PDB file of N, CA and C in Angstrom:
ATOM      1  N   UNK A   1      10.740  -3.953 -12.234  1.00  0.00           N
ATOM      2  CA  UNK A   1       9.574  -3.136 -12.467  1.00  0.00           C
ATOM      3  C   UNK A   1       9.652  -1.893 -11.573  1.00  0.00           C
ATOM      4  N   UNK A   2       9.273  -0.762 -12.110  1.00  0.00           N
ATOM      5  CA  UNK A   2       9.305   0.487 -11.368  1.00  0.00           C
ATOM      6  C   UNK A   2       8.167   0.560 -10.353  1.00  0.00           C
ATOM      7  N   UNK A   3       8.392   1.330  -9.301  1.00  0.00           N
ATOM      8  CA  UNK A   3       7.380   1.495  -8.258  1.00  0.00           C
ATOM      9  C   UNK A   3       6.073   2.045  -8.820  1.00  0.00           C
ATOM     10  N   UNK A   4       6.172   2.993  -9.741  1.00  0.00           N
ATOM     11  CA  UNK A   4       4.945   3.582 -10.281  1.00  0.00           C
ATOM     12  C   UNK A   4       4.138   2.567 -11.090  1.00  0.00           C
ATOM     13  N   UNK A   5       4.808   1.586 -11.693  1.00  0.00           N
ATOM     14  CA  UNK A   5       4.099   0.539 -12.437  1.00  0.00           C
ATOM     15  C   UNK A   5       3.369  -0.406 -11.470  1.00  0.00           C
ATOM     16  N   UNK A   6       4.012  -0.720 -10.367  1.00  0.00           N
ATOM     17  CA  UNK A   6       3.398  -1.554  -9.336  1.00  0.00           C
ATOM     18  C   UNK A   6       2.175  -0.827  -8.774  1.00  0.00           C
ATOM     19  N   UNK A   7       2.326   0.471  -8.575  1.00  0.00           N
ATOM     20  CA  UNK A   7       1.241   1.292  -8.043  1.00  0.00           C
ATOM     21  C   UNK A   7       0.027   1.291  -8.979  1.00  0.00           C
ATOM     22  N   UNK A   8       0.263   1.364 -10.276  1.00  0.00           N
ATOM     23  CA  UNK A   8      -0.835   1.338 -11.248  1.00  0.00           C
ATOM     24  C   UNK A   8      -1.628   0.038 -11.165  1.00  0.00           C
ATOM     25  N   UNK A   9      -0.921  -1.069 -10.992  1.00  0.00           N
ATOM     26  CA  UNK A   9      -1.589  -2.371 -10.886  1.00  0.00           C
ATOM     27  C   UNK A   9      -2.437  -2.403  -9.615  1.00  0.00           C
ATOM     28  N   UNK A  10      -1.889  -1.939  -8.506  1.00  0.00           N
ATOM     29  CA  UNK A  10      -2.644  -1.895  -7.255  1.00  0.00           C
ATOM     30  C   UNK A  10      -3.933  -1.104  -7.425  1.00  0.00           C
ATOM     31  N   UNK A  11      -3.830   0.080  -7.980  1.00  0.00           N
ATOM     32  CA  UNK A  11      -4.995   0.949  -8.157  1.00  0.00           C
ATOM     33  C   UNK A  11      -6.054   0.260  -9.024  1.00  0.00           C
ATOM     34  N   UNK A  12      -5.637  -0.333 -10.128  1.00  0.00           N
ATOM     35  CA  UNK A  12      -6.572  -0.996 -11.042  1.00  0.00           C
ATOM     36  C   UNK A  12      -7.268  -2.185 -10.382  1.00  0.00           C
ATOM     37  N   UNK A  13      -6.517  -2.999  -9.676  1.00  0.00           N
ATOM     38  CA  UNK A  13      -7.089  -4.194  -9.048  1.00  0.00           C
ATOM     39  C   UNK A  13      -8.059  -3.824  -7.930  1.00  0.00           C
ATOM     40  N   UNK A  14      -7.731  -2.809  -7.156  1.00  0.00           N
ATOM     41  CA  UNK A  14      -8.625  -2.370  -6.086  1.00  0.00           C
ATOM     42  C   UNK A  14      -9.928  -1.831  -6.672  1.00  0.00           C
ATOM     43  N   UNK A  15      -9.828  -1.099  -7.775  1.00  0.00           N
ATOM     44  CA  UNK A  15     -11.031  -0.572  -8.441  1.00  0.00           C
ATOM     45  C   UNK A  15     -11.932  -1.694  -8.919  1.00  0.00           C
ATOM     46  N   UNK A  16     -11.343  -2.824  -9.336  1.00  0.00           N
ATOM     47  CA  UNK A  16     -12.128  -3.973  -9.783  1.00  0.00           C
ATOM     48  C   UNK A  16     -13.065  -4.477  -8.693  1.00  0.00           C
ATOM     49  N   UNK A  17     -12.675  -4.295  -7.434  1.00  0.00           N
ATOM     50  CA  UNK A  17     -13.503  -4.729  -6.307  1.00  0.00           C
ATOM     51  C   UNK A  17     -14.412  -3.620  -5.792  1.00  0.00           C
ATOM     52  N   UNK A  18     -14.465  -2.508  -6.525  1.00  0.00           N
ATOM     53  CA  UNK A  18     -15.308  -1.400  -6.109  1.00  0.00           C
ATOM     54  C   UNK A  18     -14.686  -0.528  -5.042  1.00  0.00           C
ATOM     55  N   UNK A  19     -13.386  -0.669  -4.869  1.00  0.00           N
ATOM     56  CA  UNK A  19     -12.686   0.117  -3.868  1.00  0.00           C
ATOM     57  C   UNK A  19     -11.890   1.247  -4.479  1.00  0.00           C
ATOM     58  N   UNK A  20     -11.135   1.896  -3.632  1.00  0.00           N
ATOM     59  CA  UNK A  20     -10.261   2.994  -4.051  1.00  0.00           C
ATOM     60  C   UNK A  20      -8.894   2.807  -3.405  1.00  0.00           C
ATOM     61  N   UNK A  21      -7.872   3.211  -4.128  1.00  0.00           N
ATOM     62  CA  UNK A  21      -6.504   3.203  -3.601  1.00  0.00           C
ATOM     63  C   UNK A  21      -5.994   4.639  -3.703  1.00  0.00           C
ATOM     64  N   UNK A  22      -6.360   5.434  -2.701  1.00  0.00           N
ATOM     65  CA  UNK A  22      -6.026   6.852  -2.731  1.00  0.00           C
ATOM     66  C   UNK A  22      -4.538   7.088  -2.542  1.00  0.00           C
ATOM     67  N   UNK A  23      -4.002   7.993  -3.354  1.00  0.00           N
ATOM     68  CA  UNK A  23      -2.629   8.447  -3.179  1.00  0.00           C
ATOM     69  C   UNK A  23      -2.624   9.302  -1.937  1.00  0.00           C
ATOM     70  N   UNK A  24      -1.737   8.984  -1.005  1.00  0.00           N
ATOM     71  CA  UNK A  24      -1.737   9.704   0.255  1.00  0.00           C
ATOM     72  C   UNK A  24      -0.548  10.644   0.323  1.00  0.00           C
ATOM     73  N   UNK A  25      -0.845  11.905   0.424  1.00  0.00           N
ATOM     74  CA  UNK A  25       0.176  12.903   0.729  1.00  0.00           C
ATOM     75  C   UNK A  25      -0.336  13.659   1.939  1.00  0.00           C
ATOM     76  N   UNK A  26       0.534  13.898   2.870  1.00  0.00           N
ATOM     77  CA  UNK A  26       0.143  14.562   4.107  1.00  0.00           C
ATOM     78  C   UNK A  26       1.139  15.680   4.371  1.00  0.00           C
ATOM     79  N   UNK A  27       0.794  16.908   3.967  1.00  0.00           N
ATOM     80  CA  UNK A  27       1.722  18.027   4.163  1.00  0.00           C
ATOM     81  C   UNK A  27       2.234  18.096   5.601  1.00  0.00           C
ATOM     82  N   UNK A  28       3.538  18.229   5.717  1.00  0.00           N
ATOM     83  CA  UNK A  28       4.163  18.287   7.030  1.00  0.00           C
ATOM     84  C   UNK A  28       4.416  16.924   7.646  1.00  0.00           C
ATOM     85  N   UNK A  29       4.063  15.869   6.926  1.00  0.00           N
ATOM     86  CA  UNK A  29       4.253  14.503   7.417  1.00  0.00           C
ATOM     87  C   UNK A  29       4.894  13.644   6.347  1.00  0.00           C
ATOM     88  N   UNK A  30       6.094  13.968   5.986  1.00  0.00           N
ATOM     89  CA  UNK A  30       6.803  13.175   4.980  1.00  0.00           C
ATOM     90  C   UNK A  30       6.965  11.738   5.456  1.00  0.00           C
ATOM     91  N   UNK A  31       7.031  10.826   4.507  1.00  0.00           N
ATOM     92  CA  UNK A  31       7.282   9.429   4.828  1.00  0.00           C
ATOM     93  C   UNK A  31       6.039   8.589   5.052  1.00  0.00           C
ATOM     94  N   UNK A  32       4.847   9.181   4.862  1.00  0.00           N
ATOM     95  CA  UNK A  32       3.628   8.372   5.022  1.00  0.00           C
ATOM     96  C   UNK A  32       3.543   7.371   3.877  1.00  0.00           C
ATOM     97  N   UNK A  33       2.818   6.252   4.075  1.00  0.00           N
ATOM     98  CA  UNK A  33       2.702   5.258   3.011  1.00  0.00           C
ATOM     99  C   UNK A  33       2.118   5.842   1.721  1.00  0.00           C
ATOM    100  N   UNK A  34       2.412   5.197   0.610  1.00  0.00           N
ATOM    101  CA  UNK A  34       2.018   5.670  -0.716  1.00  0.00           C
ATOM    102  C   UNK A  34       0.513   5.710  -0.935  1.00  0.00           C
ATOM    103  N   UNK A  35      -0.188   4.668  -0.484  1.00  0.00           N
ATOM    104  CA  UNK A  35      -1.610   4.529  -0.811  1.00  0.00           C
ATOM    105  C   UNK A  35      -2.423   4.126   0.418  1.00  0.00           C
ATOM    106  N   UNK A  36      -3.662   4.605   0.435  1.00  0.00           N
ATOM    107  CA  UNK A  36      -4.665   4.144   1.397  1.00  0.00           C
ATOM    108  C   UNK A  36      -5.663   3.321   0.591  1.00  0.00           C
ATOM    109  N   UNK A  37      -5.725   2.049   0.865  1.00  0.00           N
ATOM    110  CA  UNK A  37      -6.635   1.167   0.148  1.00  0.00           C
ATOM    111  C   UNK A  37      -7.928   1.061   0.954  1.00  0.00           C
ATOM    112  N   UNK A  38      -9.021   1.464   0.306  1.00  0.00           N
ATOM    113  CA  UNK A  38     -10.335   1.437   0.930  1.00  0.00           C
ATOM    114  C   UNK A  38     -11.215   0.481   0.124  1.00  0.00           C
ATOM    115  N   UNK A  39     -11.657  -0.577   0.770  1.00  0.00           N
ATOM    116  CA  UNK A  39     -12.536  -1.559   0.133  1.00  0.00           C
ATOM    117  C   UNK A  39     -13.892  -1.530   0.842  1.00  0.00           C
ATOM    118  N   UNK A  40     -14.960  -1.815   0.124  1.00  0.00           N
ATOM    119  CA  UNK A  40     -16.287  -1.766   0.720  1.00  0.00           C
ATOM    120  C   UNK A  40     -16.397  -2.620   1.993  1.00  0.00           C
ATOM    121  N   UNK A  41     -16.866  -1.996   3.059  1.00  0.00           N
ATOM    122  CA  UNK A  41     -17.121  -2.710   4.296  1.00  0.00           C
ATOM    123  C   UNK A  41     -15.904  -3.181   5.061  1.00  0.00           C
ATOM    124  N   UNK A  42     -14.731  -2.666   4.720  1.00  0.00           N
ATOM    125  CA  UNK A  42     -13.499  -3.101   5.390  1.00  0.00           C
ATOM    126  C   UNK A  42     -12.726  -1.893   5.912  1.00  0.00           C
ATOM    127  N   UNK A  43     -11.915  -2.116   6.946  1.00  0.00           N
ATOM    128  CA  UNK A  43     -11.061  -1.017   7.412  1.00  0.00           C
ATOM    129  C   UNK A  43      -9.983  -0.709   6.373  1.00  0.00           C
ATOM    130  N   UNK A  44      -9.437   0.499   6.409  1.00  0.00           N
ATOM    131  CA  UNK A  44      -8.404   0.866   5.423  1.00  0.00           C
ATOM    132  C   UNK A  44      -7.111   0.086   5.627  1.00  0.00           C
ATOM    133  N   UNK A  45      -6.376  -0.028   4.544  1.00  0.00           N
ATOM    134  CA  UNK A  45      -5.035  -0.614   4.579  1.00  0.00           C
ATOM    135  C   UNK A  45      -4.094   0.438   4.004  1.00  0.00           C
ATOM    136  N   UNK A  46      -3.080   0.786   4.764  1.00  0.00           N
ATOM    137  CA  UNK A  46      -2.058   1.719   4.295  1.00  0.00           C
ATOM    138  C   UNK A  46      -0.956   0.897   3.634  1.00  0.00           C
ATOM    139  N   UNK A  47      -0.601   1.260   2.405  1.00  0.00           N
ATOM    140  CA  UNK A  47       0.348   0.458   1.625  1.00  0.00           C
ATOM    141  C   UNK A  47       1.534   1.314   1.179  1.00  0.00           C
ATOM    142  N   UNK A  48       2.718   0.872   1.556  1.00  0.00           N
ATOM    143  CA  UNK A  48       3.965   1.469   1.070  1.00  0.00           C
ATOM    144  C   UNK A  48       4.510   0.524   0.013  1.00  0.00           C
ATOM    145  N   UNK A  49       4.683   1.023  -1.192  1.00  0.00           N
ATOM    146  CA  UNK A  49       5.164   0.213  -2.312  1.00  0.00           C
ATOM    147  C   UNK A  49       6.648   0.435  -2.546  1.00  0.00           C
ATOM    148  N   UNK A  50       7.339  -0.652  -2.808  1.00  0.00           N
ATOM    149  CA  UNK A  50       8.769  -0.614  -3.101  1.00  0.00           C
ATOM    150  C   UNK A  50       9.066  -1.556  -4.270  1.00  0.00           C
ATOM    151  N   UNK A  51      10.147  -1.281  -4.961  1.00  0.00           N
ATOM    152  CA  UNK A  51      10.623  -2.238  -5.951  1.00  0.00           C
ATOM    153  C   UNK A  51      11.153  -3.456  -5.201  1.00  0.00           C
ATOM    154  N   UNK A  52      11.496  -4.505  -5.928  1.00  0.00           N
ATOM    155  CA  UNK A  52      12.036  -5.710  -5.287  1.00  0.00           C
ATOM    156  C   UNK A  52      13.212  -5.407  -4.369  1.00  0.00           C
ATOM    157  N   UNK A  53      14.031  -4.453  -4.763  1.00  0.00           N
ATOM    158  CA  UNK A  53      15.238  -4.133  -3.994  1.00  0.00           C
ATOM    159  C   UNK A  53      15.118  -2.823  -3.216  1.00  0.00           C
ATOM    160  N   UNK A  54      13.920  -2.249  -3.212  1.00  0.00           N
ATOM    161  CA  UNK A  54      13.716  -0.980  -2.532  1.00  0.00           C
ATOM    162  C   UNK A  54      13.879  -1.113  -1.021  1.00  0.00           C
ATOM    163  N   UNK A  55      14.211   0.004  -0.376  1.00  0.00           N
ATOM    164  CA  UNK A  55      14.410   0.020   1.071  1.00  0.00           C
ATOM    165  C   UNK A  55      13.619   1.163   1.678  1.00  0.00           C
ATOM    166  N   UNK A  56      13.088   0.909   2.858  1.00  0.00           N
ATOM    167  CA  UNK A  56      12.393   1.958   3.587  1.00  0.00           C
ATOM    168  C   UNK A  56      13.399   2.965   4.123  1.00  0.00           C
ATOM    169  N   UNK A  57      13.004   4.228   4.102  1.00  0.00           N
ATOM    170  CA  UNK A  57      13.830   5.244   4.742  1.00  0.00           C
ATOM    171  C   UNK A  57      13.537   5.222   6.243  1.00  0.00           C
ATOM    172  N   UNK A  58      14.379   5.858   7.001  1.00  0.00           N
ATOM    173  CA  UNK A  58      14.161   5.931   8.450  1.00  0.00           C
ATOM    174  C   UNK A  58      12.831   6.634   8.739  1.00  0.00           C
ATOM    175  N   UNK A  59      12.549   7.689   7.989  1.00  0.00           N
ATOM    176  CA  UNK A  59      11.309   8.430   8.171  1.00  0.00           C
ATOM    177  C   UNK A  59      10.091   7.562   7.851  1.00  0.00           C
ATOM    178  N   UNK A  60      10.169   6.772   6.796  1.00  0.00           N
ATOM    179  CA  UNK A  60       9.071   5.864   6.459  1.00  0.00           C
ATOM    180  C   UNK A  60       8.849   4.843   7.574  1.00  0.00           C
ATOM    181  N   UNK A  61       9.923   4.312   8.117  1.00  0.00           N
ATOM    182  CA  UNK A  61       9.807   3.359   9.215  1.00  0.00           C
ATOM    183  C   UNK A  61       9.121   4.004  10.423  1.00  0.00           C
ATOM    184  N   UNK A  62       9.469   5.238  10.715  1.00  0.00           N
ATOM    185  CA  UNK A  62       8.857   5.950  11.840  1.00  0.00           C
ATOM    186  C   UNK A  62       7.364   6.162  11.603  1.00  0.00           C
ATOM    187  N   UNK A  63       6.994   6.583  10.396  1.00  0.00           N
ATOM    188  CA  UNK A  63       5.573   6.815  10.098  1.00  0.00           C
ATOM    189  C   UNK A  63       4.769   5.513  10.148  1.00  0.00           C
ATOM    190  N   UNK A  64       5.339   4.456   9.624  1.00  0.00           N
ATOM    191  CA  UNK A  64       4.673   3.151   9.656  1.00  0.00           C
ATOM    192  C   UNK A  64       4.453   2.715  11.099  1.00  0.00           C
ATOM    193  N   UNK A  65       5.463   2.873  11.926  1.00  0.00           N
ATOM    194  CA  UNK A  65       5.346   2.495  13.331  1.00  0.00           C
ATOM    195  C   UNK A  65       4.274   3.325  14.037  1.00  0.00           C
ATOM    196  N   UNK A  66       4.192   4.612  13.740  1.00  0.00           N
ATOM    197  CA  UNK A  66       3.156   5.469  14.327  1.00  0.00           C
ATOM    198  C   UNK A  66       1.765   4.976  13.973  1.00  0.00           C
ATOM    199  N   UNK A  67       1.573   4.648  12.702  1.00  0.00           N
ATOM    200  CA  UNK A  67       0.267   4.149  12.267  1.00  0.00           C
ATOM    201  C   UNK A  67      -0.075   2.821  12.928  1.00  0.00           C
ATOM    202  N   UNK A  68       0.899   1.941  13.027  1.00  0.00           N
ATOM    203  CA  UNK A  68       0.660   0.641  13.662  1.00  0.00           C
ATOM    204  C   UNK A  68       0.303   0.809  15.137  1.00  0.00           C
ATOM    205  N   UNK A  69       0.947   1.753  15.812  1.00  0.00           N
ATOM    206  CA  UNK A  69       0.627   2.006  17.218  1.00  0.00           C
ATOM    207  C   UNK A  69      -0.792   2.539  17.386  1.00  0.00           C
ATOM    208  N   UNK A  70      -1.341   3.116  16.332  1.00  0.00           N
ATOM    209  CA  UNK A  70      -2.726   3.582  16.343  1.00  0.00           C
ATOM    210  C   UNK A  70      -3.700   2.470  15.932  1.00  0.00           C
ATOM    211  N   UNK A  71      -3.165   1.264  15.757  1.00  0.00           N
ATOM    212  CA  UNK A  71      -4.008   0.117  15.423  1.00  0.00           C
ATOM    213  C   UNK A  71      -4.336  -0.019  13.950  1.00  0.00           C
ATOM    214  N   UNK A  72      -3.575   0.653  13.098  1.00  0.00           N
ATOM    215  CA  UNK A  72      -3.850   0.616  11.667  1.00  0.00           C
ATOM    216  C   UNK A  72      -3.103  -0.537  10.989  1.00  0.00           C
ATOM    217  N   UNK A  73      -3.684  -1.013   9.909  1.00  0.00           N
ATOM    218  CA  UNK A  73      -3.088  -2.068   9.093  1.00  0.00           C
ATOM    219  C   UNK A  73      -2.177  -1.398   8.071  1.00  0.00           C
ATOM    220  N   UNK A  74      -0.886  -1.614   8.211  1.00  0.00           N
ATOM    221  CA  UNK A  74       0.095  -1.004   7.313  1.00  0.00           C
ATOM    222  C   UNK A  74       0.909  -2.120   6.682  1.00  0.00           C
ATOM    223  N   UNK A  75       1.011  -2.087   5.366  1.00  0.00           N
ATOM    224  CA  UNK A  75       1.763  -3.119   4.640  1.00  0.00           C
ATOM    225  C   UNK A  75       2.874  -2.485   3.818  1.00  0.00           C
ATOM    226  N   UNK A  76       4.027  -3.125   3.819  1.00  0.00           N
ATOM    227  CA  UNK A  76       5.110  -2.753   2.921  1.00  0.00           C
ATOM    228  C   UNK A  76       5.176  -3.853   1.879  1.00  0.00           C
ATOM    229  N   UNK A  77       5.017  -3.461   0.615  1.00  0.00           N
ATOM    230  CA  UNK A  77       4.925  -4.403  -0.496  1.00  0.00           C
ATOM    231  C   UNK A  77       6.164  -4.241  -1.370  1.00  0.00           C
ATOM    232  N   UNK A  78       6.879  -5.353  -1.568  1.00  0.00           N
ATOM    233  CA  UNK A  78       8.086  -5.337  -2.386  1.00  0.00           C
ATOM    234  C   UNK A  78       7.832  -6.022  -3.716  1.00  0.00           C
ATOM    235  N   UNK A  79       7.842  -5.249  -4.792  1.00  0.00           N
ATOM    236  CA  UNK A  79       7.720  -5.782  -6.140  1.00  0.00           C
ATOM    237  C   UNK A  79       6.360  -6.393  -6.432  1.00  0.00           C
ATOM    238  N   UNK A  80       6.257  -6.949  -7.631  1.00  0.00           N
ATOM    239  CA  UNK A  80       4.994  -7.548  -8.072  1.00  0.00           C
ATOM    240  C   UNK A  80       4.649  -8.800  -7.282  1.00  0.00           C
ATOM    241  N   UNK A  81       5.650  -9.572  -6.872  1.00  0.00           N
ATOM    242  CA  UNK A  81       5.358 -10.764  -6.073  1.00  0.00           C
ATOM    243  C   UNK A  81       4.704 -10.371  -4.758  1.00  0.00           C
ATOM    244  N   UNK A  82       5.239  -9.337  -4.124  1.00  0.00           N
ATOM    245  CA  UNK A  82       4.652  -8.852  -2.880  1.00  0.00           C
ATOM    246  C   UNK A  82       3.260  -8.299  -3.086  1.00  0.00           C
ATOM    247  N   UNK A  83       3.068  -7.597  -4.194  1.00  0.00           N
ATOM    248  CA  UNK A  83       1.748  -7.048  -4.496  1.00  0.00           C
ATOM    249  C   UNK A  83       0.748  -8.173  -4.733  1.00  0.00           C
ATOM    250  N   UNK A  84       1.143  -9.190  -5.482  1.00  0.00           N
ATOM    251  CA  UNK A  84       0.245 -10.318  -5.728  1.00  0.00           C
ATOM    252  C   UNK A  84      -0.143 -11.015  -4.429  1.00  0.00           C
ATOM    253  N   UNK A  85       0.790 -11.137  -3.496  1.00  0.00           N
ATOM    254  CA  UNK A  85       0.473 -11.736  -2.188  1.00  0.00           C
ATOM    255  C   UNK A  85      -0.556 -10.888  -1.446  1.00  0.00           C
ATOM    256  N   UNK A  86      -0.357  -9.579  -1.431  1.00  0.00           N
ATOM    257  CA  UNK A  86      -1.319  -8.690  -0.766  1.00  0.00           C
ATOM    258  C   UNK A  86      -2.684  -8.788  -1.419  1.00  0.00           C
ATOM    259  N   UNK A  87      -2.717  -8.761  -2.738  1.00  0.00           N
ATOM    260  CA  UNK A  87      -3.990  -8.819  -3.458  1.00  0.00           C
ATOM    261  C   UNK A  87      -4.740 -10.109  -3.155  1.00  0.00           C
ATOM    262  N   UNK A  88      -4.043 -11.233  -3.140  1.00  0.00           N
ATOM    263  CA  UNK A  88      -4.689 -12.512  -2.817  1.00  0.00           C
ATOM    264  C   UNK A  88      -5.216 -12.480  -1.377  1.00  0.00           C
ATOM    265  N   UNK A  89      -4.452 -11.919  -0.494  1.00  0.00           N
ATOM    266  CA  UNK A  89      -4.839 -11.870   0.922  1.00  0.00           C
ATOM    267  C   UNK A  89      -6.125 -11.064   1.120  1.00  0.00           C
ATOM    268  N   UNK A  90      -6.287  -9.999   0.332  1.00  0.00           N
ATOM    269  CA  UNK A  90      -7.488  -9.174   0.499  1.00  0.00           C
ATOM    270  C   UNK A  90      -8.605  -9.569  -0.462  1.00  0.00           C
ATOM    271  N   UNK A  91      -8.398 -10.693  -1.171  1.00  0.00           N
ATOM    272  CA  UNK A  91      -9.472 -11.266  -1.970  1.00  0.00           C
ATOM    273  C   UNK A  91      -9.557 -10.798  -3.394  1.00  0.00           C
ATOM    274  N   UNK A  92      -8.430 -10.348  -3.943  1.00  0.00           N
ATOM    275  CA  UNK A  92      -8.403  -9.909  -5.324  1.00  0.00           C
ATOM    276  C   UNK A  92      -7.625 -10.934  -6.143  1.00  0.00           C
ATOM    277  N   UNK A  93      -8.264 -11.515  -7.142  1.00  0.00           N
ATOM    278  CA  UNK A  93      -7.609 -12.523  -7.981  1.00  0.00           C
ATOM    279  C   UNK A  93      -6.456 -11.907  -8.737  1.00  0.00           C
ATOM    280  N   UNK A  94      -5.365 -12.649  -8.806  1.00  0.00           N
ATOM    281  CA  UNK A  94      -4.195 -12.216  -9.577  1.00  0.00           C
ATOM    282  C   UNK A  94      -3.941 -13.213 -10.689  1.00  0.00           C
ATOM    283  N   UNK A  95      -3.225 -12.761 -11.695  1.00  0.00           N
ATOM    284  CA  UNK A  95      -2.916 -13.636 -12.840  1.00  0.00           C
ATOM    285  C   UNK A  95      -1.659 -14.411 -12.599  1.00  0.00           C
TER     286      UNK A  95
END
């Protein structure tokens, strides 16, 4: 499955809970995670999506580490299985 297809599922499922999964682009800061997941009454989750065999770039690893050092919740999700695990963890039913 392509990364953009996984991303569509994430966005749809988050919306079901009344949340948003904003596409994150930060000019001058390449390598930031793909999405910021905002759910009602919860802190944000930064999500980097990859295919089952996808790999983080060095720049992505650096950005993720920076966010984690700031106390942020950052997840790297591999494929639909990884996405389903994340969704269950944050309370979104999966099929």
